[in-house]
PDB file of N, CA and C in Angstrom:
ATOM      1  N   UNK A   1      97.372  37.255 114.942  1.00  0.00           N
ATOM      2  CA  UNK A   1      97.718  37.410 114.122  1.00  0.00           C
ATOM      3  C   UNK A   1      97.932  39.025 113.947  1.00  0.00           C
ATOM      4  N   UNK A   2      99.585  39.672 113.534  1.00  0.00           N
ATOM      5  CA  UNK A   2      99.599  40.992 113.046  1.00  0.00           C
ATOM      6  C   UNK A   2      99.369  40.903 111.362  1.00  0.00           C
ATOM      7  N   UNK A   3      98.875  42.106 111.352  1.00  0.00           N
ATOM      8  CA  UNK A   3      98.934  42.776 109.748  1.00  0.00           C
ATOM      9  C   UNK A   3      99.628  43.880 109.422  1.00  0.00           C
ATOM     10  N   UNK A   4     100.555  44.411 108.511  1.00  0.00           N
ATOM     11  CA  UNK A   4     101.306  45.337 108.413  1.00  0.00           C
ATOM     12  C   UNK A   4     100.658  45.610 106.998  1.00  0.00           C
ATOM     13  N   UNK A   5     100.620  46.973 106.857  1.00  0.00           N
ATOM     14  CA  UNK A   5     100.333  47.557 105.420  1.00  0.00           C
ATOM     15  C   UNK A   5     101.619  48.015 104.692  1.00  0.00           C
ATOM     16  N   UNK A   6     102.141  47.344 103.985  1.00  0.00           N
ATOM     17  CA  UNK A   6     103.248  47.685 103.636  1.00  0.00           C
ATOM     18  C   UNK A   6     103.672  48.894 102.726  1.00  0.00           C
ATOM     19  N   UNK A   7     102.903  49.231 102.051  1.00  0.00           N
ATOM     20  CA  UNK A   7     102.711  50.162 100.862  1.00  0.00           C
ATOM     21  C   UNK A   7     102.811  51.446 102.112  1.00  0.00           C
ATOM     22  N   UNK A   8     101.869  51.625 103.088  1.00  0.00           N
ATOM     23  CA  UNK A   8     102.197  52.894 104.120  1.00  0.00           C
ATOM     24  C   UNK A   8     103.539  52.622 104.986  1.00  0.00           C
ATOM     25  N   UNK A   9     103.949  51.521 105.256  1.00  0.00           N
ATOM     26  CA  UNK A   9     105.162  51.404 105.816  1.00  0.00           C
ATOM     27  C   UNK A   9     106.222  52.058 104.929  1.00  0.00           C
ATOM     28  N   UNK A  10     106.316  51.757 103.884  1.00  0.00           N
ATOM     29  CA  UNK A  10     107.234  52.143 102.731  1.00  0.00           C
ATOM     30  C   UNK A  10     107.211  53.590 102.789  1.00  0.00           C
ATOM     31  N   UNK A  11     106.442  53.888 102.572  1.00  0.00           N
ATOM     32  CA  UNK A  11     106.218  55.674 102.387  1.00  0.00           C
ATOM     33  C   UNK A  11     106.675  56.371 103.576  1.00  0.00           C
ATOM     34  N   UNK A  12     106.290  55.794 104.908  1.00  0.00           N
ATOM     35  CA  UNK A  12     107.088  56.258 105.725  1.00  0.00           C
ATOM     36  C   UNK A  12     108.540  56.160 106.164  1.00  0.00           C
ATOM     37  N   UNK A  13     108.937  55.012 105.617  1.00  0.00           N
ATOM     38  CA  UNK A  13     110.346  54.807 105.990  1.00  0.00           C
ATOM     39  C   UNK A  13     111.526  55.533 104.932  1.00  0.00           C
ATOM     40  N   UNK A  14     110.673  55.565 103.558  1.00  0.00           N
ATOM     41  CA  UNK A  14     111.350  56.046 102.568  1.00  0.00           C
ATOM     42  C   UNK A  14     110.879  57.793 103.191  1.00  0.00           C
ATOM     43  N   UNK A  15     110.320  58.092 103.311  1.00  0.00           N
ATOM     44  CA  UNK A  15     110.407  59.688 103.971  1.00  0.00           C
ATOM     45  C   UNK A  15     111.556  59.990 104.947  1.00  0.00           C
ATOM     46  N   UNK A  16     111.439  58.796 106.038  1.00  0.00           N
ATOM     47  CA  UNK A  16     112.541  58.863 107.110  1.00  0.00           C
ATOM     48  C   UNK A  16     113.580  58.703 106.592  1.00  0.00           C
ATOM     49  N   UNK A  17     113.891  58.147 105.468  1.00  0.00           N
ATOM     50  CA  UNK A  17     115.647  58.016 104.790  1.00  0.00           C
ATOM     51  C   UNK A  17     115.677  59.136 104.513  1.00  0.00           C
ATOM     52  N   UNK A  18     114.901  59.992 103.458  1.00  0.00           N
ATOM     53  CA  UNK A  18     115.697  61.106 102.589  1.00  0.00           C
ATOM     54  C   UNK A  18     115.389  62.071 103.772  1.00  0.00           C
ATOM     55  N   UNK A  19     115.396  62.138 104.853  1.00  0.00           N
ATOM     56  CA  UNK A  19     115.616  63.264 105.762  1.00  0.00           C
ATOM     57  C   UNK A  19     117.194  62.621 107.013  1.00  0.00           C
ATOM     58  N   UNK A  20     116.891  61.517 106.914  1.00  0.00           N
ATOM     59  CA  UNK A  20     118.253  60.894 107.602  1.00  0.00           C
ATOM     60  C   UNK A  20     119.589  61.149 107.329  1.00  0.00           C
ATOM     61  N   UNK A  21     120.408  61.228 108.085  1.00  0.00           N
ATOM     62  CA  UNK A  21     121.795  61.761 107.813  1.00  0.00           C
ATOM     63  C   UNK A  21     122.488  60.371 107.540  1.00  0.00           C
ATOM     64  N   UNK A  22     121.953  59.266 107.563  1.00  0.00           N
ATOM     65  CA  UNK A  22     122.667  58.062 106.848  1.00  0.00           C
ATOM     66  C   UNK A  22     121.892  57.745 105.644  1.00  0.00           C
ATOM     67  N   UNK A  23     120.829  58.138 105.681  1.00  0.00           N
ATOM     68  CA  UNK A  23     119.893  58.414 104.067  1.00  0.00           C
ATOM     69  C   UNK A  23     119.155  56.921 103.982  1.00  0.00           C
ATOM     70  N   UNK A  24     119.077  56.227 105.369  1.00  0.00           N
ATOM     71  CA  UNK A  24     118.078  54.971 105.044  1.00  0.00           C
ATOM     72  C   UNK A  24     117.780  54.571 106.370  1.00  0.00           C
ATOM     73  N   UNK A  25     116.712  53.739 106.499  1.00  0.00           N
ATOM     74  CA  UNK A  25     115.801  53.615 107.650  1.00  0.00           C
ATOM     75  C   UNK A  25     115.280  52.523 107.547  1.00  0.00           C
ATOM     76  N   UNK A  26     114.752  51.952 108.801  1.00  0.00           N
ATOM     77  CA  UNK A  26     114.411  50.200 108.893  1.00  0.00           C
ATOM     78  C   UNK A  26     113.273  49.901 109.844  1.00  0.00           C
ATOM     79  N   UNK A  27     112.809  49.120 110.000  1.00  0.00           N
ATOM     80  CA  UNK A  27     111.942  48.447 110.873  1.00  0.00           C
ATOM     81  C   UNK A  27     111.625  47.002 110.237  1.00  0.00           C
ATOM     82  N   UNK A  28     111.772  46.226 111.711  1.00  0.00           N
ATOM     83  CA  UNK A  28     111.436  44.598 112.046  1.00  0.00           C
ATOM     84  C   UNK A  28     110.234  44.411 112.040  1.00  0.00           C
ATOM     85  N   UNK A  29     109.880  43.889 111.235  1.00  0.00           N
ATOM     86  CA  UNK A  29     108.344  43.177 110.869  1.00  0.00           C
ATOM     87  C   UNK A  29     108.113  42.193 111.918  1.00  0.00           C
ATOM     88  N   UNK A  30     109.083  41.060 111.778  1.00  0.00           N
ATOM     89  CA  UNK A  30     108.875  40.000 112.435  1.00  0.00           C
ATOM     90  C   UNK A  30     110.125  39.643 113.008  1.00  0.00           C
ATOM     91  N   UNK A  31     110.433  38.873 114.002  1.00  0.00           N
ATOM     92  CA  UNK A  31     111.793  38.357 114.662  1.00  0.00           C
ATOM     93  C   UNK A  31     112.535  39.055 115.441  1.00  0.00           C
ATOM     94  N   UNK A  32     113.274  38.689 116.266  1.00  0.00           N
ATOM     95  CA  UNK A  32     114.161  39.281 116.755  1.00  0.00           C
ATOM     96  C   UNK A  32     115.768  38.335 117.224  1.00  0.00           C
ATOM     97  N   UNK A  33     116.192  38.955 118.362  1.00  0.00           N
ATOM     98  CA  UNK A  33     117.723  37.925 117.760  1.00  0.00           C
ATOM     99  C   UNK A  33     117.548  36.440 118.972  1.00  0.00           C
ATOM    100  N   UNK A  34     116.309  36.193 119.117  1.00  0.00           N
ATOM    101  CA  UNK A  34     116.110  35.061 119.627  1.00  0.00           C
ATOM    102  C   UNK A  34     115.129  34.564 118.726  1.00  0.00           C
ATOM    103  N   UNK A  35     114.908  34.333 117.701  1.00  0.00           N
ATOM    104  CA  UNK A  35     113.937  33.546 116.394  1.00  0.00           C
ATOM    105  C   UNK A  35     115.048  33.644 115.249  1.00  0.00           C
ATOM    106  N   UNK A  36     114.800  32.339 114.994  1.00  0.00           N
ATOM    107  CA  UNK A  36     115.758  31.862 113.318  1.00  0.00           C
ATOM    108  C   UNK A  36     115.455  33.160 112.401  1.00  0.00           C
ATOM    109  N   UNK A  37     113.767  33.577 112.180  1.00  0.00           N
ATOM    110  CA  UNK A  37     113.610  33.995 110.735  1.00  0.00           C
ATOM    111  C   UNK A  37     112.908  35.218 111.196  1.00  0.00           C
ATOM    112  N   UNK A  38     113.679  36.409 110.505  1.00  0.00           N
ATOM    113  CA  UNK A  38     113.818  37.579 110.703  1.00  0.00           C
ATOM    114  C   UNK A  38     113.225  38.306 109.324  1.00  0.00           C
ATOM    115  N   UNK A  39     112.423  39.368 109.571  1.00  0.00           N
ATOM    116  CA  UNK A  39     112.037  39.958 108.307  1.00  0.00           C
ATOM    117  C   UNK A  39     112.176  41.420 108.485  1.00  0.00           C
ATOM    118  N   UNK A  40     112.740  42.452 107.939  1.00  0.00           N
ATOM    119  CA  UNK A  40     113.233  43.640 108.007  1.00  0.00           C
ATOM    120  C   UNK A  40     112.700  44.632 106.866  1.00  0.00           C
ATOM    121  N   UNK A  41     112.387  45.699 106.868  1.00  0.00           N
ATOM    122  CA  UNK A  41     111.909  46.736 105.563  1.00  0.00           C
ATOM    123  C   UNK A  41     113.020  47.614 105.730  1.00  0.00           C
ATOM    124  N   UNK A  42     113.896  47.395 104.709  1.00  0.00           N
ATOM    125  CA  UNK A  42     114.750  48.639 104.777  1.00  0.00           C
ATOM    126  C   UNK A  42     114.350  49.703 103.565  1.00  0.00           C
ATOM    127  N   UNK A  43     114.671  50.845 104.161  1.00  0.00           N
ATOM    128  CA  UNK A  43     114.224  52.197 103.003  1.00  0.00           C
ATOM    129  C   UNK A  43     115.708  52.513 102.649  1.00  0.00           C
ATOM    130  N   UNK A  44     116.023  52.641 101.550  1.00  0.00           N
ATOM    131  CA  UNK A  44     117.809  53.541 101.118  1.00  0.00           C
ATOM    132  C   UNK A  44     116.959  54.627 100.401  1.00  0.00           C
ATOM    133  N   UNK A  45     117.721  56.078 100.637  1.00  0.00           N
ATOM    134  CA  UNK A  45     117.277  57.446  99.838  1.00  0.00           C
ATOM    135  C   UNK A  45     118.064  56.942  98.223  1.00  0.00           C
ATOM    136  N   UNK A  46     117.971  57.798  97.276  1.00  0.00           N
ATOM    137  CA  UNK A  46     118.444  57.144  96.119  1.00  0.00           C
ATOM    138  C   UNK A  46     120.120  57.534  96.182  1.00  0.00           C
ATOM    139  N   UNK A  47     120.934  56.543  95.671  1.00  0.00           N
ATOM    140  CA  UNK A  47     122.228  57.256  95.512  1.00  0.00           C
ATOM    141  C   UNK A  47     122.664  56.042  96.984  1.00  0.00           C
ATOM    142  N   UNK A  48     121.961  55.982  97.753  1.00  0.00           N
ATOM    143  CA  UNK A  48     122.819  55.231  99.039  1.00  0.00           C
ATOM    144  C   UNK A  48     122.952  53.757  99.143  1.00  0.00           C
ATOM    145  N   UNK A  49     124.067  53.579 100.058  1.00  0.00           N
ATOM    146  CA  UNK A  49     124.718  51.896  99.576  1.00  0.00           C
ATOM    147  C   UNK A  49     124.592  51.579 101.272  1.00  0.00           C
ATOM    148  N   UNK A  50     124.479  50.287 101.462  1.00  0.00           N
ATOM    149  CA  UNK A  50     124.580  49.845 102.340  1.00  0.00           C
ATOM    150  C   UNK A  50     125.881  48.961 102.242  1.00  0.00           C
ATOM    151  N   UNK A  51     126.930  49.701 102.946  1.00  0.00           N
ATOM    152  CA  UNK A  51     128.615  48.714 102.779  1.00  0.00           C
ATOM    153  C   UNK A  51     128.771  47.482 102.621  1.00  0.00           C
ATOM    154  N   UNK A  52     129.701  47.288 101.970  1.00  0.00           N
ATOM    155  CA  UNK A  52     129.844  45.813 102.111  1.00  0.00           C
ATOM    156  C   UNK A  52     129.773  45.312 103.454  1.00  0.00           C
ATOM    157  N   UNK A  53     128.967  44.064 103.287  1.00  0.00           N
ATOM    158  CA  UNK A  53     129.090  43.122 104.821  1.00  0.00           C
ATOM    159  C   UNK A  53     128.664  41.737 104.316  1.00  0.00           C
ATOM    160  N   UNK A  54     128.928  40.992 105.396  1.00  0.00           N
ATOM    161  CA  UNK A  54     128.779  39.360 105.224  1.00  0.00           C
ATOM    162  C   UNK A  54     127.007  38.885 105.650  1.00  0.00           C
ATOM    163  N   UNK A  55     126.465  37.933 104.851  1.00  0.00           N
ATOM    164  CA  UNK A  55     124.885  37.482 105.177  1.00  0.00           C
ATOM    165  C   UNK A  55     125.248  36.571 106.539  1.00  0.00           C
ATOM    166  N   UNK A  56     123.955  37.492 107.093  1.00  0.00           N
ATOM    167  CA  UNK A  56     124.144  36.676 108.452  1.00  0.00           C
ATOM    168  C   UNK A  56     123.364  35.083 108.427  1.00  0.00           C
ATOM    169  N   UNK A  57     123.472  34.673 107.223  1.00  0.00           N
ATOM    170  CA  UNK A  57     122.614  33.600 106.798  1.00  0.00           C
ATOM    171  C   UNK A  57     121.773  33.532 105.714  1.00  0.00           C
ATOM    172  N   UNK A  58     120.878  32.178 105.507  1.00  0.00           N
ATOM    173  CA  UNK A  58     120.209  32.018 104.198  1.00  0.00           C
ATOM    174  C   UNK A  58     119.439  33.228 104.092  1.00  0.00           C
ATOM    175  N   UNK A  59     119.298  34.100 102.639  1.00  0.00           N
ATOM    176  CA  UNK A  59     118.782  35.100 103.133  1.00  0.00           C
ATOM    177  C   UNK A  59     118.021  35.791 101.566  1.00  0.00           C
ATOM    178  N   UNK A  60     117.089  36.302 101.549  1.00  0.00           N
ATOM    179  CA  UNK A  60     116.372  37.086 100.528  1.00  0.00           C
ATOM    180  C   UNK A  60     116.037  38.461 100.432  1.00  0.00           C
ATOM    181  N   UNK A  61     116.061  39.270  99.525  1.00  0.00           N
ATOM    182  CA  UNK A  61     115.694  40.388  99.318  1.00  0.00           C
ATOM    183  C   UNK A  61     114.757  40.500  98.274  1.00  0.00           C
ATOM    184  N   UNK A  62     113.477  41.125  98.892  1.00  0.00           N
ATOM    185  CA  UNK A  62     112.330  41.217  98.024  1.00  0.00           C
ATOM    186  C   UNK A  62     112.117  43.013  97.656  1.00  0.00           C
ATOM    187  N   UNK A  63     112.368  43.307  96.633  1.00  0.00           N
ATOM    188  CA  UNK A  63     112.081  44.550  96.139  1.00  0.00           C
ATOM    189  C   UNK A  63     110.893  45.190  96.231  1.00  0.00           C
ATOM    190  N   UNK A  64     110.316  45.905  97.488  1.00  0.00           N
ATOM    191  CA  UNK A  64     109.001  46.781  97.528  1.00  0.00           C
ATOM    192  C   UNK A  64     108.658  47.657  96.161  1.00  0.00           C
ATOM    193  N   UNK A  65     109.852  48.199  96.439  1.00  0.00           N
ATOM    194  CA  UNK A  65     109.605  49.837  95.608  1.00  0.00           C
ATOM    195  C   UNK A  65     111.283  50.327  95.211  1.00  0.00           C
ATOM    196  N   UNK A  66     111.161  50.870  93.704  1.00  0.00           N
ATOM    197  CA  UNK A  66     112.234  51.246  93.535  1.00  0.00           C
ATOM    198  C   UNK A  66     112.922  50.464  92.712  1.00  0.00           C
ATOM    199  N   UNK A  67     114.751  50.871  92.614  1.00  0.00           N
ATOM    200  CA  UNK A  67     115.626  49.937  91.536  1.00  0.00           C
ATOM    201  C   UNK A  67     116.441  50.152  92.713  1.00  0.00           C
ATOM    202  N   UNK A  68     117.186  48.797  92.725  1.00  0.00           N
ATOM    203  CA  UNK A  68     118.519  48.272  93.504  1.00  0.00           C
ATOM    204  C   UNK A  68     119.429  47.364  92.854  1.00  0.00           C
ATOM    205  N   UNK A  69     120.844  47.088  93.221  1.00  0.00           N
ATOM    206  CA  UNK A  69     121.663  46.266  92.624  1.00  0.00           C
ATOM    207  C   UNK A  69     122.441  46.196  94.022  1.00  0.00           C
ATOM    208  N   UNK A  70     122.390  44.627  93.682  1.00  0.00           N
ATOM    209  CA  UNK A  70     123.280  43.950  94.831  1.00  0.00           C
ATOM    210  C   UNK A  70     124.569  43.279  94.100  1.00  0.00           C
ATOM    211  N   UNK A  71     125.649  43.507  94.806  1.00  0.00           N
ATOM    212  CA  UNK A  71     127.093  43.481  94.353  1.00  0.00           C
ATOM    213  C   UNK A  71     127.396  42.256  95.213  1.00  0.00           C
ATOM    214  N   UNK A  72     128.175  40.968  94.706  1.00  0.00           N
ATOM    215  CA  UNK A  72     129.005  40.431  95.328  1.00  0.00           C
ATOM    216  C   UNK A  72     130.174  40.006  94.614  1.00  0.00           C
ATOM    217  N   UNK A  73     131.538  40.587  94.765  1.00  0.00           N
ATOM    218  CA  UNK A  73     132.514  40.540  94.210  1.00  0.00           C
ATOM    219  C   UNK A  73     132.352  40.937  92.680  1.00  0.00           C
ATOM    220  N   UNK A  74     132.468  40.284  91.608  1.00  0.00           N
ATOM    221  CA  UNK A  74     132.222  40.465  90.634  1.00  0.00           C
ATOM    222  C   UNK A  74     130.871  40.342  90.057  1.00  0.00           C
ATOM    223  N   UNK A  75     130.112  39.911  90.801  1.00  0.00           N
ATOM    224  CA  UNK A  75     128.717  39.623  90.133  1.00  0.00           C
ATOM    225  C   UNK A  75     127.759  40.571  90.760  1.00  0.00           C
ATOM    226  N   UNK A  76     126.742  40.755  89.961  1.00  0.00           N
ATOM    227  CA  UNK A  76     125.793  41.760  90.159  1.00  0.00           C
ATOM    228  C   UNK A  76     124.470  41.556  89.369  1.00  0.00           C
ATOM    229  N   UNK A  77     122.998  41.656  90.801  1.00  0.00           N
ATOM    230  CA  UNK A  77     122.083  41.454  90.418  1.00  0.00           C
ATOM    231  C   UNK A  77     121.054  42.743  90.389  1.00  0.00           C
ATOM    232  N   UNK A  78     120.518  43.246  89.528  1.00  0.00           N
ATOM    233  CA  UNK A  78     119.541  44.250  89.265  1.00  0.00           C
ATOM    234  C   UNK A  78     118.275  43.927  89.753  1.00  0.00           C
ATOM    235  N   UNK A  79     117.260  44.563  90.846  1.00  0.00           N
ATOM    236  CA  UNK A  79     116.194  44.206  91.199  1.00  0.00           C
ATOM    237  C   UNK A  79     115.331  45.561  91.216  1.00  0.00           C
ATOM    238  N   UNK A  80     113.786  45.628  90.702  1.00  0.00           N
ATOM    239  CA  UNK A  80     112.750  46.441  90.778  1.00  0.00           C
ATOM    240  C   UNK A  80     111.944  46.112  91.408  1.00  0.00           C
ATOM    241  N   UNK A  81     110.933  46.853  91.710  1.00  0.00           N
ATOM    242  CA  UNK A  81     109.842  46.436  92.544  1.00  0.00           C
ATOM    243  C   UNK A  81     108.944  45.077  91.938  1.00  0.00           C
ATOM    244  N   UNK A  82     108.979  44.001  92.855  1.00  0.00           N
ATOM    245  CA  UNK A  82     108.173  42.714  92.689  1.00  0.00           C
ATOM    246  C   UNK A  82     109.445  41.683  92.930  1.00  0.00           C
ATOM    247  N   UNK A  83     110.510  42.277  92.720  1.00  0.00           N
ATOM    248  CA  UNK A  83     111.595  41.244  92.171  1.00  0.00           C
ATOM    249  C   UNK A  83     111.955  40.611  93.256  1.00  0.00           C
ATOM    250  N   UNK A  84     112.561  39.442  93.628  1.00  0.00           N
ATOM    251  CA  UNK A  84     112.946  38.546  94.747  1.00  0.00           C
ATOM    252  C   UNK A  84     114.521  38.114  94.294  1.00  0.00           C
ATOM    253  N   UNK A  85     115.317  38.442  95.168  1.00  0.00           N
ATOM    254  CA  UNK A  85     116.813  38.265  94.950  1.00  0.00           C
ATOM    255  C   UNK A  85     117.146  37.110  95.968  1.00  0.00           C
ATOM    256  N   UNK A  86     117.917  36.238  95.531  1.00  0.00           N
ATOM    257  CA  UNK A  86     118.386  35.351  96.523  1.00  0.00           C
ATOM    258  C   UNK A  86     119.967  36.434  96.944  1.00  0.00           C
ATOM    259  N   UNK A  87     120.133  36.486  98.415  1.00  0.00           N
ATOM    260  CA  UNK A  87     121.465  37.050  98.643  1.00  0.00           C
ATOM    261  C   UNK A  87     122.403  35.736  98.559  1.00  0.00           C
ATOM    262  N   UNK A  88     123.796  35.866  97.973  1.00  0.00           N
ATOM    263  CA  UNK A  88     124.559  35.192  98.226  1.00  0.00           C
ATOM    264  C   UNK A  88     125.319  34.944  99.408  1.00  0.00           C
ATOM    265  N   UNK A  89     125.831  33.830  99.816  1.00  0.00           N
ATOM    266  CA  UNK A  89     126.281  33.456 101.104  1.00  0.00           C
ATOM    267  C   UNK A  89     127.844  34.177 101.133  1.00  0.00           C
ATOM    268  N   UNK A  90     128.066  35.822 100.665  1.00  0.00           N
ATOM    269  CA  UNK A  90     129.447  36.143 100.855  1.00  0.00           C
ATOM    270  C   UNK A  90     129.103  37.518 100.921  1.00  0.00           C
ATOM    271  N   UNK A  91     130.413  38.021 100.793  1.00  0.00           N
ATOM    272  CA  UNK A  91     130.320  39.521 101.435  1.00  0.00           C
ATOM    273  C   UNK A  91     129.625  40.313 100.103  1.00  0.00           C
ATOM    274  N   UNK A  92     128.680  41.386 100.482  1.00  0.00           N
ATOM    275  CA  UNK A  92     128.076  41.705  99.127  1.00  0.00           C
ATOM    276  C   UNK A  92     127.406  43.414  99.421  1.00  0.00           C
ATOM    277  N   UNK A  93     126.762  44.145  98.609  1.00  0.00           N
ATOM    278  CA  UNK A  93     126.644  45.340  98.886  1.00  0.00           C
ATOM    279  C   UNK A  93     125.273  45.890  98.084  1.00  0.00           C
ATOM    280  N   UNK A  94     124.543  46.534  98.954  1.00  0.00           N
ATOM    281  CA  UNK A  94     123.228  46.750  98.306  1.00  0.00           C
ATOM    282  C   UNK A  94     123.488  48.276  97.986  1.00  0.00           C
ATOM    283  N   UNK A  95     122.753  48.673  96.488  1.00  0.00           N
ATOM    284  CA  UNK A  95     123.109  50.113  96.340  1.00  0.00           C
ATOM    285  C   UNK A  95     121.310  50.494  95.915  1.00  0.00           C
ATOM    286  N   UNK A  96     120.999  51.429  96.158  1.00  0.00           N
ATOM    287  CA  UNK A  96     119.301  52.172  95.669  1.00  0.00           C
ATOM    288  C   UNK A  96     119.675  53.086  94.502  1.00  0.00           C
ATOM    289  N   UNK A  97     119.486  52.713  93.524  1.00  0.00           N
ATOM    290  CA  UNK A  97     119.676  53.526  92.315  1.00  0.00           C
ATOM    291  C   UNK A  97     118.520  55.013  92.343  1.00  0.00           C
ATOM    292  N   UNK A  98     117.430  54.927  93.064  1.00  0.00           N
ATOM    293  CA  UNK A  98     116.630  55.597  93.261  1.00  0.00           C
ATOM    294  C   UNK A  98     116.046  55.030  94.482  1.00  0.00           C
ATOM    295  N   UNK A  99     115.237  56.128  95.100  1.00  0.00           N
ATOM    296  CA  UNK A  99     114.444  55.860  96.385  1.00  0.00           C
ATOM    297  C   UNK A  99     113.876  54.460  96.765  1.00  0.00           C
ATOM    298  N   UNK A 100     114.183  53.544  97.336  1.00  0.00           N
ATOM    299  CA  UNK A 100     113.842  52.477  97.380  1.00  0.00           C
ATOM    300  C   UNK A 100     113.753  51.751  98.581  1.00  0.00           C
ATOM    301  N   UNK A 101     112.658  50.557  98.429  1.00  0.00           N
ATOM    302  CA  UNK A 101     112.665  49.841  99.997  1.00  0.00           C
ATOM    303  C   UNK A 101     112.743  48.246  99.387  1.00  0.00           C
ATOM    304  N   UNK A 102     113.008  47.445 100.176  1.00  0.00           N
ATOM    305  CA  UNK A 102     113.388  46.302  99.845  1.00  0.00           C
ATOM    306  C   UNK A 102     112.608  45.058 101.598  1.00  0.00           C
ATOM    307  N   UNK A 103     112.475  44.199 101.338  1.00  0.00           N
ATOM    308  CA  UNK A 103     112.089  43.402 102.583  1.00  0.00           C
ATOM    309  C   UNK A 103     113.122  42.373 102.370  1.00  0.00           C
ATOM    310  N   UNK A 104     113.999  42.363 103.638  1.00  0.00           N
ATOM    311  CA  UNK A 104     114.900  41.432 103.861  1.00  0.00           C
ATOM    312  C   UNK A 104     114.444  40.174 104.616  1.00  0.00           C
ATOM    313  N   UNK A 105     114.537  39.041 104.223  1.00  0.00           N
ATOM    314  CA  UNK A 105     114.098  37.909 104.819  1.00  0.00           C
ATOM    315  C   UNK A 105     115.408  37.142 105.664  1.00  0.00           C
ATOM    316  N   UNK A 106     115.845  36.910 106.605  1.00  0.00           N
ATOM    317  CA  UNK A 106     116.719  36.339 107.034  1.00  0.00           C
ATOM    318  C   UNK A 106     116.669  34.841 108.032  1.00  0.00           C
ATOM    319  N   UNK A 107     116.852  33.694 107.768  1.00  0.00           N
ATOM    320  CA  UNK A 107     116.756  32.484 108.071  1.00  0.00           C
ATOM    321  C   UNK A 107     118.480  32.649 109.295  1.00  0.00           C
ATOM    322  N   UNK A 108     118.658  33.003 110.312  1.00  0.00           N
ATOM    323  CA  UNK A 108     119.850  32.962 111.180  1.00  0.00           C
ATOM    324  C   UNK A 108     119.951  31.956 111.245  1.00  0.00           C
ATOM    325  N   UNK A 109     121.410  31.565 111.171  1.00  0.00           N
ATOM    326  CA  UNK A 109     122.179  30.391 111.813  1.00  0.00           C
ATOM    327  C   UNK A 109     122.089  30.195 113.491  1.00  0.00           C
TER     328      UNK A 109
END
């Protein structure tokens, strides 16, 4: 069984995101294309967005640090550290309102 120290990983990924041209960084903790369940930590520097995209399946977003906004059409969800957001089965966008990290959990179809 593997154990990941999320606070240390979040620190590392946020530092990487701040320096990256894309202003984001990620690390898959569990799963790959051959598995149904995937968990990825995504860090976004302040004011960075993941452009609008379609959800690859049933998914949740747990805010590990920071402040984020998930938008799908006219609907909007705000999340801060400790919040869990169910991602709608629709095109959506994620914005970091400050340096942030989230745990994306996807059950791929």
